[in-house]
Amino acid sequence: MSYTPDLDALSVRLAVTDGIHRFYDLVDSGRAGASADLFHADGTLTFGPGAPQPGTISGSNIKTAMQAREELKSAFTRHLIGNIVFDRISPSAADVRYLMILFRSDDATRVALPSIVADIIESWVRDGDDLRIMSRTILPTFLKA
């Protein structure tokens, strides 16, 4: 199977990939509140079946949720991202899937094994000069018991 990406699509691909990595870097570095700025004002964040707290957060509630995550000073995390696949790319939007592995420790020992392995499905849309997350769905495939 050959793959030749469209040159216009490359800039969208790079922007979305950078946005994905930027989101998790903000969360892992204690600045989760700022990660909400990567979502569109009408965006959604869905935690699917099997998540510790399944449900959907929308719009400005994403900022509230991410600010609450930032205030959890005892939660030390590292997210690993891989297998990024673009299902659709246009100059104004992209649909992407990837794998996320979460390491988390909730105490000073920082002893952590992978606590969640999840499939992530996102849609990104152009918002002015930027691309923002319109929807993110987190589908846990493995959970630490």
C-alpha atoms as a PDB file:
ATOM      1  CA  MET A   1       0.000   0.000   0.000  1.00  0.00           C
ATOM      2  CA  SER A   2       1.492   3.334  -0.992  1.00  0.00           C
ATOM      3  CA  TYR A   3       0.826   6.592   0.808  1.00  0.00           C
ATOM      4  CA  THR A   4       1.465  10.031  -0.647  1.00  0.00           C
ATOM      5  CA  PRO A   5       0.104  12.818   1.563  1.00  0.00           C
ATOM      6  CA  ASP A   6      -1.336  15.994   0.086  1.00  0.00           C
ATOM      7  CA  LEU A   7       1.023  18.913   0.767  1.00  0.00           C
ATOM      8  CA  ASP A   8      -1.834  21.104   2.101  1.00  0.00           C
ATOM      9  CA  ALA A   9      -2.822  18.233   4.359  1.00  0.00           C
ATOM     10  CA  LEU A  10       0.697  18.115   5.802  1.00  0.00           C
ATOM     11  CA  SER A  11       0.274  21.480   7.547  1.00  0.00           C
ATOM     12  CA  VAL A  12      -3.033  20.299   9.067  1.00  0.00           C
ATOM     13  CA  ARG A  13      -1.449  16.990  10.058  1.00  0.00           C
ATOM     14  CA  LEU A  14       1.455  18.776  11.758  1.00  0.00           C
ATOM     15  CA  ALA A  15      -0.829  21.250  13.551  1.00  0.00           C
ATOM     16  CA  VAL A  16      -3.118  18.512  14.882  1.00  0.00           C
ATOM     17  CA  THR A  17      -0.224  16.260  15.919  1.00  0.00           C
ATOM     18  CA  ASP A  18       1.409  19.196  17.696  1.00  0.00           C
ATOM     19  CA  GLY A  19      -1.913  20.015  19.391  1.00  0.00           C
ATOM     20  CA  ILE A  20      -2.301  16.444  20.636  1.00  0.00           C
ATOM     21  CA  HIS A  21       1.181  16.436  22.155  1.00  0.00           C
ATOM     22  CA  ARG A  22       0.750  19.953  23.547  1.00  0.00           C
ATOM     23  CA  PHE A  23      -2.484  18.927  25.331  1.00  0.00           C
ATOM     24  CA  TYR A  24      -0.855  16.042  27.201  1.00  0.00           C
ATOM     25  CA  ASP A  25       2.287  18.054  27.954  1.00  0.00           C
ATOM     26  CA  LEU A  26       0.153  20.742  29.608  1.00  0.00           C
ATOM     27  CA  VAL A  27      -1.699  18.156  31.706  1.00  0.00           C
ATOM     28  CA  ASP A  28       1.496  16.329  32.696  1.00  0.00           C
ATOM     29  CA  SER A  29       3.325  19.542  33.606  1.00  0.00           C
ATOM     30  CA  GLY A  30       0.617  20.760  35.994  1.00  0.00           C
ATOM     31  CA  ARG A  31      -1.070  23.210  33.615  1.00  0.00           C
ATOM     32  CA  ALA A  32      -4.203  21.230  32.736  1.00  0.00           C
ATOM     33  CA  GLY A  33      -6.377  24.355  32.875  1.00  0.00           C
ATOM     34  CA  ALA A  34      -4.555  25.788  29.857  1.00  0.00           C
ATOM     35  CA  SER A  35      -5.189  22.598  27.873  1.00  0.00           C
ATOM     36  CA  ALA A  36      -8.885  23.530  27.617  1.00  0.00           C
ATOM     37  CA  ASP A  37      -7.888  26.318  25.215  1.00  0.00           C
ATOM     38  CA  LEU A  38      -7.173  23.630  22.624  1.00  0.00           C
ATOM     39  CA  PHE A  39     -10.905  22.823  22.501  1.00  0.00           C
ATOM     40  CA  HIS A  40     -13.400  24.674  20.308  1.00  0.00           C
ATOM     41  CA  ALA A  41     -15.896  26.760  22.323  1.00  0.00           C
ATOM     42  CA  ASP A  42     -18.594  24.220  21.349  1.00  0.00           C
ATOM     43  CA  GLY A  43     -16.311  21.215  21.826  1.00  0.00           C
ATOM     44  CA  THR A  44     -17.033  17.997  23.680  1.00  0.00           C
ATOM     45  CA  LEU A  45     -14.914  15.673  25.792  1.00  0.00           C
ATOM     46  CA  THR A  46     -16.419  12.208  26.206  1.00  0.00           C
ATOM     47  CA  PHE A  47     -15.226   9.494  28.563  1.00  0.00           C
ATOM     48  CA  GLY A  48     -16.641   6.286  27.135  1.00  0.00           C
ATOM     49  CA  PRO A  49     -17.768   3.018  28.697  1.00  0.00           C
ATOM     50  CA  GLY A  50     -15.206   1.642  31.118  1.00  0.00           C
ATOM     51  CA  ALA A  51     -13.861   5.061  32.095  1.00  0.00           C
ATOM     52  CA  PRO A  52     -13.739   5.782  35.841  1.00  0.00           C
ATOM     53  CA  GLN A  53     -16.394   8.494  35.340  1.00  0.00           C
ATOM     54  CA  PRO A  54     -18.141   7.959  31.974  1.00  0.00           C
ATOM     55  CA  GLY A  55     -19.950  10.882  30.427  1.00  0.00           C
ATOM     56  CA  THR A  56     -19.580  13.964  28.254  1.00  0.00           C
ATOM     57  CA  ILE A  57     -18.346  17.427  29.186  1.00  0.00           C
ATOM     58  CA  SER A  58     -19.207  20.262  26.778  1.00  0.00           C
ATOM     59  CA  GLY A  59     -18.271  23.851  26.024  1.00  0.00           C
ATOM     60  CA  SER A  60     -17.092  25.972  28.938  1.00  0.00           C
ATOM     61  CA  ASN A  61     -17.464  23.006  31.304  1.00  0.00           C
ATOM     62  CA  ILE A  62     -14.289  21.588  29.733  1.00  0.00           C
ATOM     63  CA  LYS A  63     -12.319  24.524  31.125  1.00  0.00           C
ATOM     64  CA  THR A  64     -13.866  23.941  34.574  1.00  0.00           C
ATOM     65  CA  ALA A  65     -13.001  20.223  34.467  1.00  0.00           C
ATOM     66  CA  MET A  66      -9.440  20.805  33.312  1.00  0.00           C
ATOM     67  CA  GLN A  67      -8.918  23.489  35.957  1.00  0.00           C
ATOM     68  CA  ALA A  68     -10.131  20.990  38.585  1.00  0.00           C
ATOM     69  CA  ARG A  69      -7.607  18.463  37.207  1.00  0.00           C
ATOM     70  CA  GLU A  70      -4.856  21.070  37.554  1.00  0.00           C
ATOM     71  CA  GLU A  71      -5.774  21.556  41.203  1.00  0.00           C
ATOM     72  CA  LEU A  72      -5.220  17.831  41.932  1.00  0.00           C
ATOM     73  CA  LYS A  73      -1.636  18.400  43.040  1.00  0.00           C
ATOM     74  CA  SER A  74      -1.279  14.806  44.278  1.00  0.00           C
ATOM     75  CA  ALA A  75      -1.953  13.317  40.825  1.00  0.00           C
ATOM     76  CA  PHE A  76       1.330  12.840  38.993  1.00  0.00           C
ATOM     77  CA  THR A  77       0.829  11.667  35.400  1.00  0.00           C
ATOM     78  CA  ARG A  78       2.603  10.900  32.176  1.00  0.00           C
ATOM     79  CA  HIS A  79       0.672  10.255  28.987  1.00  0.00           C
ATOM     80  CA  LEU A  80       2.285   8.323  26.138  1.00  0.00           C
ATOM     81  CA  ILE A  81       0.766   8.773  22.689  1.00  0.00           C
ATOM     82  CA  GLY A  82       1.256   6.534  19.671  1.00  0.00           C
ATOM     83  CA  ASN A  83      -0.232   5.046  16.518  1.00  0.00           C
ATOM     84  CA  ILE A  84      -1.613   8.379  15.276  1.00  0.00           C
ATOM     85  CA  VAL A  85      -3.786   7.743  12.218  1.00  0.00           C
ATOM     86  CA  PHE A  86      -5.637  10.407  10.239  1.00  0.00           C
ATOM     87  CA  ASP A  87      -8.923   9.220   8.776  1.00  0.00           C
ATOM     88  CA  ARG A  88      -9.809  12.534   7.096  1.00  0.00           C
ATOM     89  CA  ILE A  89      -7.875  15.715   6.421  1.00  0.00           C
ATOM     90  CA  SER A  90      -9.006  18.907   4.733  1.00  0.00           C
ATOM     91  CA  PRO A  91      -7.752  22.491   5.020  1.00  0.00           C
ATOM     92  CA  SER A  92     -10.420  23.138   7.667  1.00  0.00           C
ATOM     93  CA  ALA A  93     -10.792  19.847   9.570  1.00  0.00           C
ATOM     94  CA  ALA A  94      -9.264  16.519  10.501  1.00  0.00           C
ATOM     95  CA  ASP A  95     -10.416  13.264  12.056  1.00  0.00           C
ATOM     96  CA  VAL A  96      -7.725  11.384  13.935  1.00  0.00           C
ATOM     97  CA  ARG A  97      -7.358   8.242  16.089  1.00  0.00           C
ATOM     98  CA  TYR A  98      -4.522   7.292  18.387  1.00  0.00           C
ATOM     99  CA  LEU A  99      -3.480   5.186  21.332  1.00  0.00           C
ATOM    100  CA  MET A 100      -2.940   6.716  24.772  1.00  0.00           C
ATOM    101  CA  ILE A 101      -1.230   5.032  27.722  1.00  0.00           C
ATOM    102  CA  LEU A 102      -1.598   6.779  31.077  1.00  0.00           C
ATOM    103  CA  PHE A 103       0.814   6.318  33.966  1.00  0.00           C
ATOM    104  CA  ARG A 104      -0.547   7.848  37.182  1.00  0.00           C
ATOM    105  CA  SER A 105       0.509   8.040  40.811  1.00  0.00           C
ATOM    106  CA  ASP A 106      -1.667   9.670  43.463  1.00  0.00           C
ATOM    107  CA  ASP A 107       0.894   9.793  46.242  1.00  0.00           C
ATOM    108  CA  ALA A 108       4.440  10.919  46.970  1.00  0.00           C
ATOM    109  CA  THR A 109       5.952   7.533  46.106  1.00  0.00           C
ATOM    110  CA  ARG A 110       5.248   8.107  42.409  1.00  0.00           C
ATOM    111  CA  VAL A 111       5.078   4.354  41.977  1.00  0.00           C
ATOM    112  CA  ALA A 112       3.044   3.868  38.828  1.00  0.00           C
ATOM    113  CA  LEU A 113       2.164   1.203  36.337  1.00  0.00           C
ATOM    114  CA  PRO A 114       0.032   1.921  33.303  1.00  0.00           C
ATOM    115  CA  SER A 115      -3.395   2.717  34.744  1.00  0.00           C
ATOM    116  CA  ILE A 116      -5.272   3.131  31.457  1.00  0.00           C
ATOM    117  CA  VAL A 117      -4.699   2.166  27.857  1.00  0.00           C
ATOM    118  CA  ALA A 118      -7.265   3.881  25.657  1.00  0.00           C
ATOM    119  CA  ASP A 119      -8.237   4.520  22.079  1.00  0.00           C
ATOM    120  CA  ILE A 120      -8.769   8.222  21.444  1.00  0.00           C
ATOM    121  CA  ILE A 121     -10.968   9.484  18.606  1.00  0.00           C
ATOM    122  CA  GLU A 122     -10.908  13.200  17.789  1.00  0.00           C
ATOM    123  CA  SER A 123     -12.292  15.693  15.324  1.00  0.00           C
ATOM    124  CA  TRP A 124     -10.422  18.962  14.872  1.00  0.00           C
ATOM    125  CA  VAL A 125     -11.858  22.028  13.110  1.00  0.00           C
ATOM    126  CA  ARG A 126     -10.495  25.330  11.961  1.00  0.00           C
ATOM    127  CA  ASP A 127     -11.302  28.182  14.344  1.00  0.00           C
ATOM    128  CA  GLY A 128      -9.895  31.377  12.863  1.00  0.00           C
ATOM    129  CA  ASP A 129      -6.196  30.750  12.268  1.00  0.00           C
ATOM    130  CA  ASP A 130      -6.070  27.763  14.624  1.00  0.00           C
ATOM    131  CA  LEU A 131      -7.243  24.179  14.623  1.00  0.00           C
ATOM    132  CA  ARG A 132      -9.146  23.180  17.768  1.00  0.00           C
ATOM    133  CA  ILE A 133     -10.645  19.982  19.139  1.00  0.00           C
ATOM    134  CA  MET A 134     -14.355  19.788  18.322  1.00  0.00           C
ATOM    135  CA  SER A 135     -14.742  16.368  19.895  1.00  0.00           C
ATOM    136  CA  ARG A 136     -12.558  13.958  21.814  1.00  0.00           C
ATOM    137  CA  THR A 137     -13.758  10.491  22.849  1.00  0.00           C
ATOM    138  CA  ILE A 138     -11.670   8.409  25.231  1.00  0.00           C
ATOM    139  CA  LEU A 139     -12.404   4.686  25.008  1.00  0.00           C
ATOM    140  CA  PRO A 140     -10.530   2.678  27.649  1.00  0.00           C
ATOM    141  CA  THR A 141      -9.363  -0.716  26.385  1.00  0.00           C
ATOM    142  CA  PHE A 142      -7.407  -1.745  29.500  1.00  0.00           C
ATOM    143  CA  LEU A 143      -7.749  -0.509  33.088  1.00  0.00           C
ATOM    144  CA  LYS A 144      -5.487  -1.170  36.055  1.00  0.00           C
ATOM    145  CA  ALA A 145      -7.440  -3.160  38.630  1.00  0.00           C
END
